[in-house]
Amino acid sequence: MINFFLDTNIVIDFLTDRKPFSSLVGKLFDYLEKGEVKLYLSAVSYSNIYYVVRKVSSHKETIKILSRLEEMTEIIDTTSSTIKNAIDSEFKDFEDALQYYSAKFNTNINGIVTRNGGDFKHSTISILTPEEAIRFMESASR
């Protein structure tokens, strides 16, 4: 089983149908539905996702979307050690640091999928664009 951690921004791309990015992330969710990949999100991603999706949907609809997302993905808790490591890190963006350390402490993660690879330049985990993640999945399913 392939295990990808999703950067908050690509989930927002998918949920708000930001073109051209949404279709690529949609393919990852297709692999999820087929049982070929497990997708992980940081617990802190949910507040950011809510904030952005709520701008284009009602509160009730946004909560439905988050509920479905929670059913489909695995949530990695944000712990005090996650926060401490993020604070002490060299990441320029604190949110990215929180996501990275959430993923890092989960030994199942094969890669972080993001459109902003430069934000994760200190990562010891493989960083993939959505396109690279799709190619990886395509090669794994052959």
C-alpha atoms as a PDB file:
ATOM      1  CA  MET A   1       0.000   0.000   0.000  1.00  0.00           C
ATOM      2  CA  ILE A   2       1.266   3.454  -0.934  1.00  0.00           C
ATOM      3  CA  ASN A   3       0.888   6.124   1.764  1.00  0.00           C
ATOM      4  CA  PHE A   4       0.885   9.778   0.762  1.00  0.00           C
ATOM      5  CA  PHE A   5       0.637  12.793   3.037  1.00  0.00           C
ATOM      6  CA  LEU A   6      -1.287  15.610   1.346  1.00  0.00           C
ATOM      7  CA  ASP A   7      -0.282  19.237   1.723  1.00  0.00           C
ATOM      8  CA  THR A   8      -3.287  21.336   2.715  1.00  0.00           C
ATOM      9  CA  ASN A   9      -3.152  23.386  -0.485  1.00  0.00           C
ATOM     10  CA  ILE A  10      -3.692  20.448  -2.825  1.00  0.00           C
ATOM     11  CA  VAL A  11      -6.696  19.303  -0.807  1.00  0.00           C
ATOM     12  CA  ILE A  12      -8.089  22.828  -1.134  1.00  0.00           C
ATOM     13  CA  ASP A  13      -7.370  22.664  -4.897  1.00  0.00           C
ATOM     14  CA  PHE A  14      -9.482  19.523  -5.090  1.00  0.00           C
ATOM     15  CA  LEU A  15     -12.342  20.649  -2.850  1.00  0.00           C
ATOM     16  CA  THR A  16     -12.717  24.081  -4.473  1.00  0.00           C
ATOM     17  CA  ASP A  17     -12.108  22.731  -7.986  1.00  0.00           C
ATOM     18  CA  ARG A  18      -9.137  25.020  -8.674  1.00  0.00           C
ATOM     19  CA  LYS A  19      -8.200  24.357 -12.280  1.00  0.00           C
ATOM     20  CA  PRO A  20      -5.981  22.831 -13.568  1.00  0.00           C
ATOM     21  CA  PHE A  21      -4.845  21.348 -10.243  1.00  0.00           C
ATOM     22  CA  SER A  22      -8.091  19.767  -9.057  1.00  0.00           C
ATOM     23  CA  SER A  23      -8.172  17.012 -11.681  1.00  0.00           C
ATOM     24  CA  LEU A  24      -4.719  15.737 -10.725  1.00  0.00           C
ATOM     25  CA  VAL A  25      -5.603  15.543  -7.054  1.00  0.00           C
ATOM     26  CA  GLY A  26      -8.891  13.955  -8.060  1.00  0.00           C
ATOM     27  CA  LYS A  27      -6.899  11.109  -9.593  1.00  0.00           C
ATOM     28  CA  LEU A  28      -5.231  10.501  -6.226  1.00  0.00           C
ATOM     29  CA  PHE A  29      -8.679  10.270  -4.644  1.00  0.00           C
ATOM     30  CA  ASP A  30      -9.653   7.819  -7.423  1.00  0.00           C
ATOM     31  CA  TYR A  31      -6.725   5.605  -6.376  1.00  0.00           C
ATOM     32  CA  LEU A  32      -7.919   5.952  -2.791  1.00  0.00           C
ATOM     33  CA  GLU A  33     -11.405   4.742  -3.764  1.00  0.00           C
ATOM     34  CA  LYS A  34      -9.805   1.730  -5.494  1.00  0.00           C
ATOM     35  CA  GLY A  35      -7.885   0.904  -2.310  1.00  0.00           C
ATOM     36  CA  GLU A  36      -4.493   1.453  -3.954  1.00  0.00           C
ATOM     37  CA  VAL A  37      -3.339   4.383  -1.833  1.00  0.00           C
ATOM     38  CA  LYS A  38      -3.893   5.679   1.668  1.00  0.00           C
ATOM     39  CA  LEU A  39      -4.022   9.455   2.034  1.00  0.00           C
ATOM     40  CA  TYR A  40      -3.049  11.287   5.204  1.00  0.00           C
ATOM     41  CA  LEU A  41      -3.724  14.810   6.431  1.00  0.00           C
ATOM     42  CA  SER A  42      -2.521  16.718   9.436  1.00  0.00           C
ATOM     43  CA  ALA A  43      -5.177  17.584  11.997  1.00  0.00           C
ATOM     44  CA  VAL A  44      -4.186  21.243  11.619  1.00  0.00           C
ATOM     45  CA  SER A  45      -5.086  21.119   7.927  1.00  0.00           C
ATOM     46  CA  TYR A  46      -8.770  20.924   8.752  1.00  0.00           C
ATOM     47  CA  SER A  47      -9.046  24.467  10.108  1.00  0.00           C
ATOM     48  CA  ASN A  48      -7.298  25.876   7.038  1.00  0.00           C
ATOM     49  CA  ILE A  49      -9.440  23.781   4.701  1.00  0.00           C
ATOM     50  CA  TYR A  50     -12.584  24.927   6.514  1.00  0.00           C
ATOM     51  CA  TYR A  51     -11.530  28.584   6.290  1.00  0.00           C
ATOM     52  CA  VAL A  52     -10.998  28.474   2.510  1.00  0.00           C
ATOM     53  CA  VAL A  53     -13.875  26.176   1.542  1.00  0.00           C
ATOM     54  CA  ARG A  54     -16.275  28.179   3.731  1.00  0.00           C
ATOM     55  CA  LYS A  55     -15.656  31.193   1.479  1.00  0.00           C
ATOM     56  CA  VAL A  56     -17.353  29.363  -1.403  1.00  0.00           C
ATOM     57  CA  SER A  57     -19.829  27.157   0.510  1.00  0.00           C
ATOM     58  CA  SER A  58     -22.170  27.419   3.463  1.00  0.00           C
ATOM     59  CA  HIS A  59     -21.073  26.340   6.926  1.00  0.00           C
ATOM     60  CA  LYS A  60     -23.351  23.289   6.730  1.00  0.00           C
ATOM     61  CA  GLU A  61     -22.002  22.249   3.313  1.00  0.00           C
ATOM     62  CA  THR A  62     -18.394  22.829   4.403  1.00  0.00           C
ATOM     63  CA  ILE A  63     -18.909  20.618   7.459  1.00  0.00           C
ATOM     64  CA  LYS A  64     -20.358  17.887   5.195  1.00  0.00           C
ATOM     65  CA  ILE A  65     -17.270  18.148   2.985  1.00  0.00           C
ATOM     66  CA  LEU A  66     -14.939  17.924   5.993  1.00  0.00           C
ATOM     67  CA  SER A  67     -16.878  14.956   7.329  1.00  0.00           C
ATOM     68  CA  ARG A  68     -16.525  13.097   4.027  1.00  0.00           C
ATOM     69  CA  LEU A  69     -12.838  14.011   3.872  1.00  0.00           C
ATOM     70  CA  GLU A  70     -12.357  12.668   7.393  1.00  0.00           C
ATOM     71  CA  GLU A  71     -14.008   9.376   6.381  1.00  0.00           C
ATOM     72  CA  MET A  72     -11.750   9.003   3.343  1.00  0.00           C
ATOM     73  CA  THR A  73      -8.382   9.983   4.789  1.00  0.00           C
ATOM     74  CA  GLU A  74      -6.280   9.259   7.843  1.00  0.00           C
ATOM     75  CA  ILE A  75      -5.769  12.158  10.230  1.00  0.00           C
ATOM     76  CA  ILE A  76      -2.381  12.528  11.880  1.00  0.00           C
ATOM     77  CA  ASP A  77      -2.665  14.200  15.253  1.00  0.00           C
ATOM     78  CA  THR A  78      -0.773  17.359  16.044  1.00  0.00           C
ATOM     79  CA  THR A  79       1.149  16.703  19.217  1.00  0.00           C
ATOM     80  CA  SER A  80       3.270  18.860  21.471  1.00  0.00           C
ATOM     81  CA  SER A  81       6.406  17.305  19.945  1.00  0.00           C
ATOM     82  CA  THR A  82       5.097  18.170  16.459  1.00  0.00           C
ATOM     83  CA  ILE A  83       4.712  21.788  17.540  1.00  0.00           C
ATOM     84  CA  LYS A  84       8.103  21.896  19.284  1.00  0.00           C
ATOM     85  CA  ASN A  85       9.871  20.481  16.237  1.00  0.00           C
ATOM     86  CA  ALA A  86       8.069  22.938  13.954  1.00  0.00           C
ATOM     87  CA  ILE A  87       9.063  25.856  16.181  1.00  0.00           C
ATOM     88  CA  ASP A  88      12.686  24.710  16.259  1.00  0.00           C
ATOM     89  CA  SER A  89      12.858  23.958  12.525  1.00  0.00           C
ATOM     90  CA  GLU A  90      14.385  25.891   9.659  1.00  0.00           C
ATOM     91  CA  PHE A  91      11.072  25.993   7.786  1.00  0.00           C
ATOM     92  CA  LYS A  92      10.115  29.508   6.720  1.00  0.00           C
ATOM     93  CA  ASP A  93       6.387  28.691   6.898  1.00  0.00           C
ATOM     94  CA  PHE A  94       5.119  27.432  10.261  1.00  0.00           C
ATOM     95  CA  GLU A  95       2.086  25.677   8.751  1.00  0.00           C
ATOM     96  CA  ASP A  96       4.357  23.700   6.408  1.00  0.00           C
ATOM     97  CA  ALA A  97       6.596  22.816   9.351  1.00  0.00           C
ATOM     98  CA  LEU A  98       3.594  21.497  11.279  1.00  0.00           C
ATOM     99  CA  GLN A  99       2.529  19.409   8.309  1.00  0.00           C
ATOM    100  CA  TYR A 100       6.036  18.098   7.747  1.00  0.00           C
ATOM    101  CA  TYR A 101       6.574  17.020  11.334  1.00  0.00           C
ATOM    102  CA  SER A 102       3.114  15.459  11.409  1.00  0.00           C
ATOM    103  CA  ALA A 103       4.113  13.364   8.387  1.00  0.00           C
ATOM    104  CA  LYS A 104       7.628  12.669   9.658  1.00  0.00           C
ATOM    105  CA  PHE A 105       6.406  11.092  12.888  1.00  0.00           C
ATOM    106  CA  ASN A 106       4.215   8.684  10.922  1.00  0.00           C
ATOM    107  CA  THR A 107       6.579   5.996   9.655  1.00  0.00           C
ATOM    108  CA  ASN A 108       4.089   4.801   7.009  1.00  0.00           C
ATOM    109  CA  ILE A 109       4.394   7.904   4.829  1.00  0.00           C
ATOM    110  CA  ASN A 110       6.046   7.269   1.446  1.00  0.00           C
ATOM    111  CA  GLY A 111       5.918  10.874   0.303  1.00  0.00           C
ATOM    112  CA  ILE A 112       4.449  14.336   0.757  1.00  0.00           C
ATOM    113  CA  VAL A 113       2.344  15.514  -2.180  1.00  0.00           C
ATOM    114  CA  THR A 114       2.483  19.271  -2.723  1.00  0.00           C
ATOM    115  CA  ARG A 115       2.641  21.890  -5.455  1.00  0.00           C
ATOM    116  CA  ASN A 116       5.110  23.844  -3.303  1.00  0.00           C
ATOM    117  CA  GLY A 117       8.122  21.557  -3.086  1.00  0.00           C
ATOM    118  CA  GLY A 118      10.417  24.448  -2.207  1.00  0.00           C
ATOM    119  CA  ASP A 119       8.497  24.909   1.028  1.00  0.00           C
ATOM    120  CA  PHE A 120       9.713  21.450   2.081  1.00  0.00           C
ATOM    121  CA  LYS A 121      13.364  21.790   1.065  1.00  0.00           C
ATOM    122  CA  HIS A 122      14.519  20.536   4.489  1.00  0.00           C
ATOM    123  CA  SER A 123      12.429  17.380   4.195  1.00  0.00           C
ATOM    124  CA  THR A 124      13.908  13.929   4.646  1.00  0.00           C
ATOM    125  CA  ILE A 125      10.670  12.510   3.201  1.00  0.00           C
ATOM    126  CA  SER A 126      10.235  12.295  -0.574  1.00  0.00           C
ATOM    127  CA  ILE A 127       8.437  15.330  -1.973  1.00  0.00           C
ATOM    128  CA  LEU A 128       6.232  14.789  -5.006  1.00  0.00           C
ATOM    129  CA  THR A 129       4.120  17.066  -7.129  1.00  0.00           C
ATOM    130  CA  PRO A 130       0.634  15.738  -7.841  1.00  0.00           C
ATOM    131  CA  GLU A 131       1.869  14.785 -11.328  1.00  0.00           C
ATOM    132  CA  GLU A 132       4.762  12.799  -9.862  1.00  0.00           C
ATOM    133  CA  ALA A 133       2.459  11.090  -7.377  1.00  0.00           C
ATOM    134  CA  ILE A 134       0.135  10.038 -10.225  1.00  0.00           C
ATOM    135  CA  ARG A 135       3.082   8.689 -12.245  1.00  0.00           C
ATOM    136  CA  PHE A 136       4.255   6.810  -9.140  1.00  0.00           C
ATOM    137  CA  MET A 137       0.801   5.284  -8.721  1.00  0.00           C
ATOM    138  CA  GLU A 138       0.603   4.388 -12.405  1.00  0.00           C
ATOM    139  CA  SER A 139       3.954   2.599 -12.276  1.00  0.00           C
ATOM    140  CA  ALA A 140       3.030   0.824  -9.031  1.00  0.00           C
ATOM    141  CA  SER A 141      -0.243  -0.497 -10.481  1.00  0.00           C
ATOM    142  CA  ARG A 142       1.402  -2.125 -13.506  1.00  0.00           C
END
